[in-house]
Amino acid sequence: QRLGVLHVGQRIEEQADFEKIYKNAWADNANACAKQYAGTGALKTDYTRQRTQWGLIMDGWNSLIRYYKNNFSDGFRQDAIDLFLGNYSVDEVEPASPLHVKKDWKFLALPIIMVVAFSMCIICLLMAGDTWTETLAYVLFWGSASFGTFAIILYNGKDFVDAPKLVQKEK
């Protein structure tokens, strides 16, 4: 009322058009901030607008994407923030950059092998062979191959995580 948006006696709850515009602007702002920070749109923005089944599915999808990005492809963001904020200072005497780390063959090969083996296991389940023993043999082979590569990836899990490479220097 002091800003002249509402007349004396009017209540904000009675202004459906204003409420809709305000909630959409709020949700759009949340999406913009979340994309900068987490790499995906904000979760639960459809609560602000109106909750739908599609919004629930998108929240699950965004959560999966965030989990992947946070663990496997976001180390560079923290490095950039550390450089920008001055938490890390470049040492001109050191010839090698701590950002350049050569990846081993397993970082590409093992996930591909695991996905292929799991896919083959599903295909063998869906397209049964001539006998049930043949189908069982294929499913056991591809299932054990996918489980084995998954176990190797879990055992070497810290190697697969994209952790920040710059460490905070003591002052």
Protein backbone atom coordinates (compact mmCIF):
# COMPACT_ATOMS: atom_id res chain seq x y z
CA GLN A 1 0.00 0.00 0.00
CA ARG A 2 2.89 2.35 0.78
CA LEU A 3 4.30 1.78 -2.72
CA GLY A 4 0.94 2.45 -4.34
CA VAL A 5 0.56 -1.06 -5.77
CA LEU A 6 -2.49 -1.85 -3.67
CA HIS A 7 -5.34 0.42 -2.61
CA VAL A 8 -6.27 0.80 1.04
CA GLY A 9 -8.11 -2.32 2.15
CA GLN A 10 -6.90 -4.52 -0.73
CA ARG A 11 -5.11 -7.73 0.20
CA ILE A 12 -2.29 -9.36 -1.75
CA GLU A 13 -4.06 -12.74 -1.54
CA GLU A 14 -6.95 -11.30 -3.59
CA GLN A 15 -4.68 -10.35 -6.51
CA ALA A 16 -4.49 -13.61 -8.49
CA ASP A 17 -2.76 -12.10 -11.54
CA PHE A 18 -0.09 -10.42 -9.45
CA GLU A 19 0.47 -13.61 -7.44
CA LYS A 20 0.92 -15.65 -10.62
CA ILE A 21 3.41 -13.16 -12.10
CA TYR A 22 5.31 -12.93 -8.81
CA LYS A 23 5.53 -16.71 -8.36
CA ASN A 24 6.70 -17.21 -11.96
CA ALA A 25 9.38 -14.53 -11.57
CA TRP A 26 10.48 -16.15 -8.30
CA ALA A 27 10.69 -19.61 -9.92
CA ASP A 28 12.54 -18.22 -12.98
CA ASN A 29 15.08 -16.54 -10.69
CA ALA A 30 15.55 -19.83 -8.79
CA ASN A 31 16.18 -21.64 -12.09
CA ALA A 32 18.79 -19.09 -13.16
CA CYS A 33 20.64 -19.31 -9.84
CA ALA A 34 20.49 -23.11 -9.78
CA LYS A 35 21.82 -23.41 -13.35
CA GLN A 36 24.83 -21.30 -12.40
CA TYR A 37 25.47 -23.15 -9.17
CA ALA A 38 24.43 -26.76 -9.83
CA GLY A 39 24.23 -27.01 -13.62
CA THR A 40 20.49 -27.81 -13.70
CA GLY A 41 17.27 -25.98 -13.11
CA ALA A 42 15.99 -25.54 -9.57
CA LEU A 43 14.12 -28.36 -7.89
CA LYS A 44 10.53 -27.93 -6.77
CA THR A 45 9.81 -24.83 -8.87
CA ASP A 46 6.54 -26.41 -9.85
CA TYR A 47 5.48 -26.08 -6.18
CA THR A 48 5.79 -22.35 -6.68
CA ARG A 49 3.83 -22.48 -9.92
CA GLN A 50 1.60 -25.52 -9.48
CA ARG A 51 2.72 -29.07 -8.61
CA THR A 52 2.35 -31.59 -11.46
CA GLN A 53 3.41 -35.17 -12.12
CA TRP A 54 5.73 -33.90 -14.85
CA GLY A 55 7.39 -31.59 -12.31
CA LEU A 56 7.99 -34.57 -10.04
CA ILE A 57 9.64 -36.47 -12.90
CA MET A 58 11.78 -33.45 -13.81
CA ASP A 59 12.89 -33.10 -10.17
CA GLY A 60 14.06 -36.72 -10.24
CA TRP A 61 15.85 -36.18 -13.56
CA ASN A 62 17.51 -32.98 -12.33
CA SER A 63 18.61 -34.78 -9.16
CA LEU A 64 20.25 -37.53 -11.23
CA ILE A 65 22.00 -34.97 -13.43
CA ARG A 66 23.19 -33.06 -10.36
CA TYR A 67 24.54 -36.24 -8.79
CA TYR A 68 26.49 -37.08 -11.95
CA LYS A 69 27.84 -33.56 -12.42
CA ASN A 70 28.76 -33.17 -8.76
CA ASN A 71 30.75 -36.40 -8.71
CA PHE A 72 32.17 -36.76 -12.20
CA SER A 73 32.42 -33.40 -13.94
CA ASP A 74 32.39 -30.47 -11.52
CA GLY A 75 35.91 -30.29 -10.11
CA PHE A 76 36.85 -27.56 -12.56
CA ARG A 77 34.09 -25.31 -11.18
CA GLN A 78 35.58 -25.43 -7.70
CA ASP A 79 39.03 -24.80 -9.16
CA ALA A 80 37.69 -21.75 -11.00
CA ILE A 81 36.03 -20.45 -7.84
CA ASP A 82 39.26 -20.97 -5.85
CA LEU A 83 41.26 -19.08 -8.45
CA PHE A 84 38.70 -16.28 -8.66
CA LEU A 85 38.44 -15.83 -4.89
CA GLY A 86 42.19 -15.99 -4.39
CA ASN A 87 42.11 -19.19 -2.34
CA TYR A 88 44.78 -20.53 -4.67
CA SER A 89 47.62 -18.52 -6.08
CA VAL A 90 49.66 -19.64 -9.04
CA ASP A 91 53.27 -20.37 -8.19
CA GLU A 92 55.41 -19.03 -11.03
CA VAL A 93 58.35 -21.22 -9.98
CA GLU A 94 56.42 -24.48 -10.47
CA PRO A 95 56.71 -25.52 -14.12
CA ALA A 96 53.83 -28.01 -14.17
CA SER A 97 50.22 -26.97 -13.89
CA PRO A 98 48.23 -28.86 -11.24
CA LEU A 99 45.21 -28.65 -13.54
CA HIS A 100 46.73 -30.86 -16.22
CA VAL A 101 46.33 -34.47 -15.10
CA LYS A 102 46.56 -37.20 -17.72
CA LYS A 103 43.73 -39.68 -17.44
CA ASP A 104 44.35 -43.41 -17.61
CA TRP A 105 42.60 -45.68 -20.14
CA LYS A 106 40.31 -47.12 -17.45
CA PHE A 107 38.39 -43.86 -17.07
CA LEU A 108 36.82 -44.31 -20.48
CA ALA A 109 37.06 -48.07 -21.03
CA LEU A 110 35.52 -49.38 -17.80
CA PRO A 111 32.29 -47.34 -17.91
CA ILE A 112 31.82 -48.26 -21.58
CA ILE A 113 32.41 -51.96 -20.83
CA MET A 114 29.95 -51.80 -17.93
CA VAL A 115 27.22 -50.15 -20.02
CA VAL A 116 27.71 -52.58 -22.91
CA ALA A 117 27.70 -55.61 -20.59
CA PHE A 118 24.57 -54.43 -18.78
CA SER A 119 22.85 -53.71 -22.10
CA MET A 120 23.75 -57.18 -23.38
CA CYS A 121 22.36 -58.72 -20.18
CA ILE A 122 19.04 -56.92 -20.70
CA ILE A 123 18.96 -57.87 -24.39
CA CYS A 124 19.59 -61.52 -23.50
CA LEU A 125 16.71 -61.40 -21.02
CA LEU A 126 14.36 -59.87 -23.58
CA MET A 127 15.39 -62.03 -26.54
CA ALA A 128 15.41 -65.55 -25.15
CA GLY A 129 17.63 -68.13 -26.80
CA ASP A 130 16.62 -71.56 -28.12
CA THR A 131 16.72 -73.11 -24.66
CA TRP A 132 16.44 -71.71 -21.17
CA THR A 133 19.94 -72.95 -20.34
CA GLU A 134 21.39 -70.97 -23.24
CA THR A 135 19.53 -67.85 -22.12
CA LEU A 136 20.64 -68.39 -18.52
CA ALA A 137 24.27 -68.81 -19.60
CA TYR A 138 24.23 -65.57 -21.59
CA VAL A 139 22.49 -63.65 -18.81
CA LEU A 140 24.94 -64.99 -16.21
CA PHE A 141 27.94 -64.13 -18.40
CA TRP A 142 26.85 -60.58 -19.22
CA GLY A 143 25.50 -60.02 -15.71
CA SER A 144 28.78 -61.09 -14.14
CA ALA A 145 30.71 -58.92 -16.64
CA SER A 146 28.61 -55.87 -15.76
CA PHE A 147 28.82 -56.62 -12.03
CA GLY A 148 32.58 -57.19 -12.26
CA THR A 149 33.28 -53.90 -14.03
CA PHE A 150 30.95 -52.12 -11.60
CA ALA A 151 32.91 -53.61 -8.69
CA ILE A 152 36.20 -52.44 -10.24
CA ILE A 153 34.78 -48.96 -10.69
CA LEU A 154 33.57 -48.91 -7.07
CA TYR A 155 36.94 -50.17 -5.81
CA ASN A 156 38.72 -47.39 -7.74
CA GLY A 157 35.90 -44.91 -7.05
CA LYS A 158 38.05 -42.02 -5.87
CA ASP A 159 39.98 -42.15 -9.15
CA PHE A 160 36.76 -41.64 -11.12
CA VAL A 161 35.57 -38.64 -9.10
CA ASP A 162 36.38 -35.27 -10.62
CA ALA A 163 37.71 -33.63 -7.47
CA PRO A 164 39.15 -30.13 -7.50
CA LYS A 165 42.84 -30.21 -8.33
CA LEU A 166 43.85 -26.95 -6.71
CA VAL A 167 44.43 -27.08 -3.00
CA GLN A 168 44.21 -24.16 -0.68
CA LYS A 169 47.66 -22.82 0.15
CA GLU A 170 48.46 -21.90 3.73
CA LYS A 171 49.04 -18.21 4.28
